[in-house]
Amino acid sequence: MNWGKGIILSFVLFIAIIFTMVYISVNTEFSLVSENYYEQEINYEDQLNSIRNFNALDVPPAFQFDRRQGEISLTFDPTLAEAMREGKVVFFRASNARYDKELPLSLDEDNQFKIPANTLLKGAWTLQLSWSDENSSYYKEIKFVI
């Protein structure tokens, strides 16, 4: 092989690598952490106040992930459950927003919120718990792995 063929082969190989990288980058799926990022940034001070309110609770809700029964539960103190007006639970999947779940915070007669773990994919999750009562709002993030 002479120098001319080697240089042409190098150019062709270089161009093939560039086209491969462009093809991969165009077809790579990515999702933003949040669709309404700027709106959330504006409301961040309210979220900080909600986090402070949660941290000031005498008896915060208890999170439990029972692997044997395959169940995720939140147990609320009766006084918190009585005062609760509305709330929601978001199961946030950082790797792919397509698998996020948002559920209303509805408690059973034992002041518990339960969800079967098999409704969520295996992997890392963040539970975003938020609710409000007559005077305050509360927010807590709990990281767990299924």
C-alpha atoms as a PDB file:
ATOM      1  CA  MET A   1       0.000   0.000   0.000  1.00  0.00           C
ATOM      2  CA  ASN A   2       1.422   3.376  -0.930  1.00  0.00           C
ATOM      3  CA  TRP A   3       1.025   6.773   0.774  1.00  0.00           C
ATOM      4  CA  GLY A   4      -1.774   7.958  -1.483  1.00  0.00           C
ATOM      5  CA  LYS A   5      -4.035   5.010  -0.677  1.00  0.00           C
ATOM      6  CA  GLY A   6      -3.280   5.342   3.033  1.00  0.00           C
ATOM      7  CA  ILE A   7      -4.241   9.045   3.080  1.00  0.00           C
ATOM      8  CA  ILE A   8      -7.466   8.418   1.133  1.00  0.00           C
ATOM      9  CA  LEU A   9      -8.337   5.497   3.423  1.00  0.00           C
ATOM     10  CA  SER A  10      -7.730   7.735   6.475  1.00  0.00           C
ATOM     11  CA  PHE A  11     -10.041  10.437   5.074  1.00  0.00           C
ATOM     12  CA  VAL A  12     -12.764   7.901   4.273  1.00  0.00           C
ATOM     13  CA  LEU A  13     -12.463   6.380   7.759  1.00  0.00           C
ATOM     14  CA  PHE A  14     -12.558   9.849   9.357  1.00  0.00           C
ATOM     15  CA  ILE A  15     -15.691  10.812   7.373  1.00  0.00           C
ATOM     16  CA  ALA A  16     -17.362   7.498   8.291  1.00  0.00           C
ATOM     17  CA  ILE A  17     -16.671   8.111  11.993  1.00  0.00           C
ATOM     18  CA  ILE A  18     -18.042  11.679  11.797  1.00  0.00           C
ATOM     19  CA  PHE A  19     -21.243  10.503  10.032  1.00  0.00           C
ATOM     20  CA  THR A  20     -21.673   7.732  12.620  1.00  0.00           C
ATOM     21  CA  MET A  21     -21.344  10.217  15.492  1.00  0.00           C
ATOM     22  CA  VAL A  22     -23.834  12.614  13.850  1.00  0.00           C
ATOM     23  CA  TYR A  23     -26.305   9.751  13.304  1.00  0.00           C
ATOM     24  CA  ILE A  24     -26.021   8.607  16.926  1.00  0.00           C
ATOM     25  CA  SER A  25     -26.374  12.129  18.331  1.00  0.00           C
ATOM     26  CA  VAL A  26     -29.443  12.900  16.207  1.00  0.00           C
ATOM     27  CA  ASN A  27     -31.195   9.653  17.214  1.00  0.00           C
ATOM     28  CA  THR A  28     -30.370   9.812  20.930  1.00  0.00           C
ATOM     29  CA  GLU A  29     -33.483  10.329  23.050  1.00  0.00           C
ATOM     30  CA  PHE A  30     -33.182  12.741  25.920  1.00  0.00           C
ATOM     31  CA  SER A  31     -35.725  14.264  28.237  1.00  0.00           C
ATOM     32  CA  LEU A  32     -35.578  17.362  30.350  1.00  0.00           C
ATOM     33  CA  VAL A  33     -35.835  17.008  34.091  1.00  0.00           C
ATOM     34  CA  SER A  34     -38.916  19.182  33.904  1.00  0.00           C
ATOM     35  CA  GLU A  35     -40.929  20.620  31.049  1.00  0.00           C
ATOM     36  CA  ASN A  36     -41.747  23.832  32.943  1.00  0.00           C
ATOM     37  CA  TYR A  37     -38.327  24.483  34.429  1.00  0.00           C
ATOM     38  CA  TYR A  38     -38.567  28.284  34.513  1.00  0.00           C
ATOM     39  CA  GLU A  39     -41.971  28.258  36.200  1.00  0.00           C
ATOM     40  CA  GLN A  40     -40.631  25.907  38.873  1.00  0.00           C
ATOM     41  CA  GLU A  41     -37.596  28.144  39.379  1.00  0.00           C
ATOM     42  CA  ILE A  42     -39.847  31.142  40.017  1.00  0.00           C
ATOM     43  CA  ASN A  43     -41.849  29.136  42.579  1.00  0.00           C
ATOM     44  CA  TYR A  44     -38.749  27.697  44.279  1.00  0.00           C
ATOM     45  CA  GLU A  45     -39.054  29.982  47.327  1.00  0.00           C
ATOM     46  CA  ASP A  46     -42.527  28.555  47.959  1.00  0.00           C
ATOM     47  CA  GLN A  47     -41.086  25.055  47.710  1.00  0.00           C
ATOM     48  CA  LEU A  48     -38.347  25.946  50.211  1.00  0.00           C
ATOM     49  CA  ASN A  49     -41.038  27.147  52.630  1.00  0.00           C
ATOM     50  CA  SER A  50     -42.929  23.881  52.114  1.00  0.00           C
ATOM     51  CA  ILE A  51     -39.753  21.903  52.868  1.00  0.00           C
ATOM     52  CA  ARG A  52     -39.212  23.962  56.049  1.00  0.00           C
ATOM     53  CA  ASN A  53     -42.811  23.296  57.077  1.00  0.00           C
ATOM     54  CA  PHE A  54     -42.289  19.558  56.580  1.00  0.00           C
ATOM     55  CA  ASN A  55     -39.053  19.582  58.590  1.00  0.00           C
ATOM     56  CA  ALA A  56     -40.844  21.415  61.425  1.00  0.00           C
ATOM     57  CA  LEU A  57     -43.490  18.694  61.814  1.00  0.00           C
ATOM     58  CA  ASP A  58     -43.519  16.911  65.162  1.00  0.00           C
ATOM     59  CA  VAL A  59     -44.549  13.611  63.581  1.00  0.00           C
ATOM     60  CA  PRO A  60     -43.741  13.530  59.859  1.00  0.00           C
ATOM     61  CA  PRO A  61     -45.284  10.888  57.581  1.00  0.00           C
ATOM     62  CA  ALA A  62     -43.426   7.569  57.653  1.00  0.00           C
ATOM     63  CA  PHE A  63     -42.222   6.108  54.341  1.00  0.00           C
ATOM     64  CA  GLN A  64     -41.902   2.343  54.066  1.00  0.00           C
ATOM     65  CA  PHE A  65     -40.960   0.101  51.160  1.00  0.00           C
ATOM     66  CA  ASP A  66     -41.780  -3.515  51.976  1.00  0.00           C
ATOM     67  CA  ARG A  67     -39.938  -5.714  49.487  1.00  0.00           C
ATOM     68  CA  ARG A  68     -41.617  -8.926  50.687  1.00  0.00           C
ATOM     69  CA  GLN A  69     -45.137  -7.657  50.128  1.00  0.00           C
ATOM     70  CA  GLY A  70     -44.054  -5.500  47.203  1.00  0.00           C
ATOM     71  CA  GLU A  71     -45.713  -2.410  48.594  1.00  0.00           C
ATOM     72  CA  ILE A  72     -44.785   1.239  49.069  1.00  0.00           C
ATOM     73  CA  SER A  73     -46.644   3.050  51.836  1.00  0.00           C
ATOM     74  CA  LEU A  74     -46.805   6.422  53.543  1.00  0.00           C
ATOM     75  CA  THR A  75     -48.319   6.516  57.023  1.00  0.00           C
ATOM     76  CA  PHE A  76     -49.651   9.817  58.336  1.00  0.00           C
ATOM     77  CA  ASP A  77     -50.289  10.908  61.900  1.00  0.00           C
ATOM     78  CA  PRO A  78     -54.078  11.159  62.520  1.00  0.00           C
ATOM     79  CA  THR A  79     -53.883  14.912  63.208  1.00  0.00           C
ATOM     80  CA  LEU A  80     -52.052  15.489  59.907  1.00  0.00           C
ATOM     81  CA  ALA A  81     -54.524  13.305  58.037  1.00  0.00           C
ATOM     82  CA  GLU A  82     -57.481  15.186  59.535  1.00  0.00           C
ATOM     83  CA  ALA A  83     -56.104  18.595  58.616  1.00  0.00           C
ATOM     84  CA  MET A  84     -55.096  17.595  55.066  1.00  0.00           C
ATOM     85  CA  ARG A  85     -57.035  19.357  52.310  1.00  0.00           C
ATOM     86  CA  GLU A  86     -55.344  18.090  49.178  1.00  0.00           C
ATOM     87  CA  GLY A  87     -52.113  16.485  48.133  1.00  0.00           C
ATOM     88  CA  LYS A  88     -50.275  14.508  45.528  1.00  0.00           C
ATOM     89  CA  VAL A  89     -47.578  11.895  45.258  1.00  0.00           C
ATOM     90  CA  VAL A  90     -45.234  11.947  42.270  1.00  0.00           C
ATOM     91  CA  PHE A  91     -42.974   9.016  41.494  1.00  0.00           C
ATOM     92  CA  PHE A  92     -40.157  10.692  39.566  1.00  0.00           C
ATOM     93  CA  ARG A  93     -37.819   8.688  37.362  1.00  0.00           C
ATOM     94  CA  ALA A  94     -34.735  10.782  36.541  1.00  0.00           C
ATOM     95  CA  SER A  95     -33.589   8.511  33.727  1.00  0.00           C
ATOM     96  CA  ASN A  96     -36.796   8.807  31.693  1.00  0.00           C
ATOM     97  CA  ALA A  97     -39.735  11.153  32.259  1.00  0.00           C
ATOM     98  CA  ARG A  98     -42.017   8.789  30.355  1.00  0.00           C
ATOM     99  CA  TYR A  99     -42.243   6.563  33.446  1.00  0.00           C
ATOM    100  CA  ASP A 100     -43.138   9.311  35.941  1.00  0.00           C
ATOM    101  CA  LYS A 101     -46.415   8.786  37.827  1.00  0.00           C
ATOM    102  CA  GLU A 102     -48.527  11.415  39.527  1.00  0.00           C
ATOM    103  CA  LEU A 103     -51.216  10.219  41.935  1.00  0.00           C
ATOM    104  CA  PRO A 104     -53.610  12.059  44.238  1.00  0.00           C
ATOM    105  CA  LEU A 105     -52.790  11.653  47.914  1.00  0.00           C
ATOM    106  CA  SER A 106     -55.792   9.692  49.124  1.00  0.00           C
ATOM    107  CA  LEU A 107     -55.530   7.989  52.501  1.00  0.00           C
ATOM    108  CA  ASP A 108     -57.328   4.858  53.657  1.00  0.00           C
ATOM    109  CA  GLU A 109     -58.984   4.390  57.052  1.00  0.00           C
ATOM    110  CA  ASP A 110     -55.567   3.702  58.645  1.00  0.00           C
ATOM    111  CA  ASN A 111     -54.239   7.066  57.385  1.00  0.00           C
ATOM    112  CA  GLN A 112     -52.036   5.313  54.846  1.00  0.00           C
ATOM    113  CA  PHE A 113     -51.292   5.814  51.181  1.00  0.00           C
ATOM    114  CA  LYS A 114     -50.324   2.525  49.515  1.00  0.00           C
ATOM    115  CA  ILE A 115     -49.205   1.574  46.030  1.00  0.00           C
ATOM    116  CA  PRO A 116     -47.963  -1.775  44.718  1.00  0.00           C
ATOM    117  CA  ALA A 117     -44.279  -1.645  43.858  1.00  0.00           C
ATOM    118  CA  ASN A 118     -44.787  -3.753  40.733  1.00  0.00           C
ATOM    119  CA  THR A 119     -46.475  -0.762  39.055  1.00  0.00           C
ATOM    120  CA  LEU A 120     -43.033   0.903  38.930  1.00  0.00           C
ATOM    121  CA  LEU A 121     -39.995  -0.209  36.946  1.00  0.00           C
ATOM    122  CA  LYS A 122     -36.949  -1.466  38.761  1.00  0.00           C
ATOM    123  CA  GLY A 123     -34.360   1.195  39.382  1.00  0.00           C
ATOM    124  CA  ALA A 124     -33.861   4.503  41.168  1.00  0.00           C
ATOM    125  CA  TRP A 125     -36.918   6.615  42.014  1.00  0.00           C
ATOM    126  CA  THR A 126     -37.670   9.836  43.843  1.00  0.00           C
ATOM    127  CA  LEU A 127     -40.980  10.098  45.654  1.00  0.00           C
ATOM    128  CA  GLN A 128     -42.133  13.718  45.723  1.00  0.00           C
ATOM    129  CA  LEU A 129     -44.744  14.135  48.445  1.00  0.00           C
ATOM    130  CA  SER A 130     -46.703  17.372  48.680  1.00  0.00           C
ATOM    131  CA  TRP A 131     -49.873  18.332  50.493  1.00  0.00           C
ATOM    132  CA  SER A 132     -51.516  21.303  52.109  1.00  0.00           C
ATOM    133  CA  ASP A 133     -53.803  22.057  55.039  1.00  0.00           C
ATOM    134  CA  GLU A 134     -55.687  25.207  56.009  1.00  0.00           C
ATOM    135  CA  ASN A 135     -52.530  27.197  56.845  1.00  0.00           C
ATOM    136  CA  SER A 136     -49.483  25.638  55.215  1.00  0.00           C
ATOM    137  CA  SER A 137     -48.133  23.495  52.441  1.00  0.00           C
ATOM    138  CA  TYR A 138     -45.639  20.656  52.888  1.00  0.00           C
ATOM    139  CA  TYR A 139     -43.095  19.033  50.565  1.00  0.00           C
ATOM    140  CA  LYS A 140     -40.646  16.156  50.904  1.00  0.00           C
ATOM    141  CA  GLU A 141     -38.511  14.163  48.467  1.00  0.00           C
ATOM    142  CA  ILE A 142     -37.632  10.563  49.312  1.00  0.00           C
ATOM    143  CA  LYS A 143     -35.150   8.638  47.191  1.00  0.00           C
ATOM    144  CA  PHE A 144     -35.435   4.848  46.977  1.00  0.00           C
ATOM    145  CA  VAL A 145     -34.504   1.940  44.726  1.00  0.00           C
ATOM    146  CA  ILE A 146     -36.753  -0.894  43.637  1.00  0.00           C
END
